[in-house]
Amino acid sequence: MITPVLAGLGIFSFLSACLIWLQRLQPVFFALAVGGLAYQIWIVRRRPPALRTLGVKTILGISLAINGLMILGWIVITIRYQ
């Protein structure tokens, strides 16, 4: 009976330690997200206009919207829990 409890506490401690490191790495993840978006925009703009189809523009727009929402959520959560 005591072994599963200790194992559960160990897992909880491990997850807590991981979360602390992930919180410290948030600026790195943010920079990577912004860099990835800049790279996507650069790739699409580099294509000839004939190859910038509606599908390519739609995928880029959806990617920008999702990443924008994620960045906005990250900012809101950071402000909320300071």
N, C-alpha and C. Protein backbone atom coordinates (compact mmCIF):
# COMPACT_ATOMS: atom_id res chain seq x y z
N MET A 1 0.81 -1.19 0.00
CA MET A 1 0.00 0.00 0.00
C MET A 1 0.86 1.26 0.00
N ILE A 2 1.94 1.23 0.73
CA ILE A 2 2.78 2.43 0.83
C ILE A 2 3.59 2.65 -0.44
N THR A 3 3.94 1.60 -1.16
CA THR A 3 4.75 1.72 -2.36
C THR A 3 4.05 2.52 -3.45
N PRO A 4 2.77 2.25 -3.77
CA PRO A 4 2.11 3.08 -4.79
C PRO A 4 2.01 4.55 -4.38
N VAL A 5 1.84 4.80 -3.10
CA VAL A 5 1.76 6.19 -2.63
C VAL A 5 3.10 6.88 -2.84
N LEU A 6 4.18 6.21 -2.50
CA LEU A 6 5.51 6.79 -2.69
C LEU A 6 5.81 6.98 -4.17
N ALA A 7 5.39 6.02 -4.99
CA ALA A 7 5.59 6.14 -6.43
C ALA A 7 4.81 7.33 -6.97
N GLY A 8 3.58 7.50 -6.48
CA GLY A 8 2.77 8.64 -6.91
C GLY A 8 3.41 9.96 -6.51
N LEU A 9 3.95 10.03 -5.31
CA LEU A 9 4.63 11.24 -4.86
C LEU A 9 5.88 11.52 -5.70
N GLY A 10 6.58 10.46 -6.07
CA GLY A 10 7.77 10.63 -6.92
C GLY A 10 7.40 11.16 -8.28
N ILE A 11 6.34 10.62 -8.86
CA ILE A 11 5.88 11.09 -10.17
C ILE A 11 5.44 12.55 -10.07
N PHE A 12 4.72 12.88 -9.00
CA PHE A 12 4.27 14.26 -8.81
C PHE A 12 5.45 15.21 -8.68
N SER A 13 6.47 14.81 -7.94
CA SER A 13 7.66 15.64 -7.78
C SER A 13 8.38 15.82 -9.11
N PHE A 14 8.46 14.76 -9.88
CA PHE A 14 9.12 14.83 -11.19
C PHE A 14 8.37 15.78 -12.11
N LEU A 15 7.04 15.67 -12.14
CA LEU A 15 6.24 16.55 -13.00
C LEU A 15 6.36 18.00 -12.54
N SER A 16 6.39 18.23 -11.25
CA SER A 16 6.56 19.59 -10.74
C SER A 16 7.90 20.18 -11.18
N ALA A 17 8.94 19.37 -11.09
CA ALA A 17 10.26 19.84 -11.52
C ALA A 17 10.27 20.14 -13.02
N CYS A 18 9.60 19.30 -13.81
CA CYS A 18 9.52 19.53 -15.25
C CYS A 18 8.78 20.83 -15.54
N LEU A 19 7.69 21.08 -14.82
CA LEU A 19 6.93 22.30 -15.04
C LEU A 19 7.73 23.54 -14.69
N ILE A 20 8.55 23.45 -13.66
CA ILE A 20 9.39 24.60 -13.29
C ILE A 20 10.37 24.90 -14.42
N TRP A 21 10.98 23.85 -14.98
CA TRP A 21 11.93 24.07 -16.08
C TRP A 21 11.22 24.57 -17.33
N LEU A 22 10.00 24.06 -17.59
CA LEU A 22 9.25 24.54 -18.75
C LEU A 22 8.88 26.01 -18.59
N GLN A 23 8.55 26.43 -17.39
CA GLN A 23 8.26 27.83 -17.16
C GLN A 23 9.49 28.70 -17.38
N ARG A 24 10.63 28.22 -17.00
CA ARG A 24 11.86 28.98 -17.21
C ARG A 24 12.22 29.06 -18.70
N LEU A 25 11.79 28.07 -19.48
CA LEU A 25 12.11 28.04 -20.91
C LEU A 25 11.04 28.72 -21.77
N GLN A 26 10.02 29.32 -21.17
CA GLN A 26 8.96 29.97 -21.96
C GLN A 26 9.49 31.00 -22.95
N PRO A 27 10.44 31.85 -22.58
CA PRO A 27 10.95 32.81 -23.56
C PRO A 27 11.60 32.13 -24.78
N VAL A 28 12.21 30.99 -24.56
CA VAL A 28 12.82 30.25 -25.67
C VAL A 28 11.73 29.72 -26.60
N PHE A 29 10.67 29.14 -26.02
CA PHE A 29 9.57 28.65 -26.84
C PHE A 29 8.90 29.80 -27.60
N PHE A 30 8.75 30.95 -26.96
CA PHE A 30 8.17 32.12 -27.60
C PHE A 30 9.01 32.56 -28.79
N ALA A 31 10.32 32.63 -28.59
CA ALA A 31 11.23 33.04 -29.67
C ALA A 31 11.19 32.04 -30.82
N LEU A 32 11.11 30.75 -30.51
CA LEU A 32 11.03 29.75 -31.57
C LEU A 32 9.72 29.86 -32.35
N ALA A 33 8.62 30.16 -31.67
CA ALA A 33 7.33 30.32 -32.34
C ALA A 33 7.36 31.52 -33.28
N VAL A 34 7.88 32.63 -32.80
CA VAL A 34 7.96 33.83 -33.64
C VAL A 34 8.92 33.59 -34.81
N GLY A 35 10.03 32.93 -34.54
CA GLY A 35 10.96 32.61 -35.63
C GLY A 35 10.34 31.68 -36.67
N GLY A 36 9.57 30.70 -36.21
CA GLY A 36 8.89 29.80 -37.14
C GLY A 36 7.88 30.52 -38.00
N LEU A 37 7.14 31.43 -37.41
CA LEU A 37 6.18 32.23 -38.18
C LEU A 37 6.88 33.10 -39.21
N ALA A 38 7.97 33.72 -38.80
CA ALA A 38 8.73 34.55 -39.74
C ALA A 38 9.25 33.71 -40.90
N TYR A 39 9.71 32.51 -40.59
CA TYR A 39 10.21 31.62 -41.65
C TYR A 39 9.09 31.21 -42.60
N GLN A 40 7.89 30.89 -42.07
CA GLN A 40 6.76 30.54 -42.93
C GLN A 40 6.41 31.69 -43.86
N ILE A 41 6.35 32.90 -43.31
CA ILE A 41 6.01 34.07 -44.14
C ILE A 41 7.08 34.28 -45.20
N TRP A 42 8.34 34.12 -44.83
CA TRP A 42 9.43 34.30 -45.79
C TRP A 42 9.34 33.29 -46.92
N ILE A 43 9.04 32.03 -46.59
CA ILE A 43 8.92 30.98 -47.61
C ILE A 43 7.79 31.30 -48.59
N VAL A 44 6.65 31.72 -48.06
CA VAL A 44 5.50 32.02 -48.93
C VAL A 44 5.79 33.25 -49.79
N ARG A 45 6.40 34.27 -49.22
CA ARG A 45 6.69 35.47 -50.00
C ARG A 45 7.76 35.23 -51.06
N ARG A 46 8.63 34.26 -50.83
CA ARG A 46 9.70 33.95 -51.79
C ARG A 46 9.18 33.22 -53.02
N ARG A 47 8.02 32.58 -52.87
CA ARG A 47 7.45 31.85 -54.00
C ARG A 47 7.00 32.83 -55.08
N PRO A 48 7.05 32.39 -56.32
CA PRO A 48 6.49 33.23 -57.39
C PRO A 48 4.98 33.42 -57.16
N PRO A 49 4.44 34.56 -57.57
CA PRO A 49 3.01 34.81 -57.35
C PRO A 49 2.09 33.72 -57.91
N ALA A 50 2.49 33.08 -58.98
CA ALA A 50 1.66 32.03 -59.58
C ALA A 50 1.55 30.81 -58.66
N LEU A 51 2.53 30.60 -57.81
CA LEU A 51 2.53 29.44 -56.91
C LEU A 51 1.92 29.75 -55.54
N ARG A 52 1.56 31.01 -55.31
CA ARG A 52 0.90 31.37 -54.06
C ARG A 52 -0.60 31.14 -54.21
N THR A 53 -0.96 29.90 -54.19
CA THR A 53 -2.36 29.53 -54.40
C THR A 53 -3.19 29.85 -53.15
N LEU A 54 -4.49 29.73 -53.32
CA LEU A 54 -5.40 29.97 -52.21
C LEU A 54 -5.13 28.99 -51.06
N GLY A 55 -4.79 27.76 -51.41
CA GLY A 55 -4.49 26.76 -50.38
C GLY A 55 -3.27 27.14 -49.55
N VAL A 56 -2.23 27.62 -50.21
CA VAL A 56 -1.01 28.03 -49.50
C VAL A 56 -1.31 29.22 -48.59
N LYS A 57 -2.07 30.18 -49.11
CA LYS A 57 -2.42 31.36 -48.31
C LYS A 57 -3.32 30.99 -47.14
N THR A 58 -4.22 30.03 -47.37
CA THR A 58 -5.11 29.58 -46.29
C THR A 58 -4.32 28.89 -45.18
N ILE A 59 -3.41 28.01 -45.56
CA ILE A 59 -2.58 27.32 -44.57
C ILE A 59 -1.75 28.33 -43.78
N LEU A 60 -1.18 29.31 -44.46
CA LEU A 60 -0.40 30.33 -43.76
C LEU A 60 -1.28 31.14 -42.83
N GLY A 61 -2.46 31.52 -43.29
CA GLY A 61 -3.38 32.29 -42.45
C GLY A 61 -3.82 31.52 -41.21
N ILE A 62 -4.14 30.25 -41.37
CA ILE A 62 -4.55 29.42 -40.23
C ILE A 62 -3.38 29.26 -39.26
N SER A 63 -2.19 29.06 -39.78
CA SER A 63 -1.01 28.94 -38.93
C SER A 63 -0.76 30.22 -38.15
N LEU A 64 -0.90 31.36 -38.82
CA LEU A 64 -0.72 32.65 -38.14
C LEU A 64 -1.78 32.84 -37.06
N ALA A 65 -3.03 32.47 -37.36
CA ALA A 65 -4.11 32.63 -36.38
C ALA A 65 -3.90 31.75 -35.16
N ILE A 66 -3.56 30.49 -35.38
CA ILE A 66 -3.35 29.57 -34.25
C ILE A 66 -2.17 30.02 -33.40
N ASN A 67 -1.07 30.38 -34.05
CA ASN A 67 0.09 30.83 -33.29
C ASN A 67 -0.20 32.15 -32.58
N GLY A 68 -0.96 33.03 -33.20
CA GLY A 68 -1.35 34.27 -32.55
C GLY A 68 -2.18 34.01 -31.31
N LEU A 69 -3.12 33.08 -31.40
CA LEU A 69 -3.93 32.72 -30.24
C LEU A 69 -3.08 32.10 -29.13
N MET A 70 -2.13 31.27 -29.51
CA MET A 70 -1.25 30.66 -28.52
C MET A 70 -0.40 31.72 -27.82
N ILE A 71 0.15 32.66 -28.58
CA ILE A 71 0.97 33.71 -28.00
C ILE A 71 0.11 34.60 -27.09
N LEU A 72 -1.09 34.93 -27.54
CA LEU A 72 -2.00 35.73 -26.72
C LEU A 72 -2.36 34.99 -25.43
N GLY A 73 -2.63 33.70 -25.53
CA GLY A 73 -2.91 32.91 -24.34
C GLY A 73 -1.73 32.86 -23.39
N TRP A 74 -0.55 32.73 -23.93
CA TRP A 74 0.66 32.71 -23.11
C TRP A 74 0.81 34.03 -22.35
N ILE A 75 0.55 35.15 -23.04
CA ILE A 75 0.65 36.46 -22.40
C ILE A 75 -0.41 36.61 -21.31
N VAL A 76 -1.64 36.19 -21.60
CA VAL A 76 -2.72 36.30 -20.62
C VAL A 76 -2.42 35.46 -19.38
N ILE A 77 -1.96 34.23 -19.59
CA ILE A 77 -1.63 33.36 -18.46
C ILE A 77 -0.47 33.92 -17.65
N THR A 78 0.53 34.48 -18.33
CA THR A 78 1.67 35.06 -17.63
C THR A 78 1.22 36.25 -16.77
N ILE A 79 0.38 37.10 -17.33
CA ILE A 79 -0.11 38.26 -16.56
C ILE A 79 -1.00 37.78 -15.42
N ARG A 80 -1.85 36.81 -15.67
CA ARG A 80 -2.80 36.33 -14.66
C ARG A 80 -2.11 35.71 -13.45
N TYR A 81 -1.04 34.97 -13.65
CA TYR A 81 -0.42 34.23 -12.56
C TYR A 81 0.87 34.86 -12.05
N GLN A 82 1.05 36.15 -12.25
CA GLN A 82 2.23 36.83 -11.70
C GLN A 82 1.99 37.23 -10.28
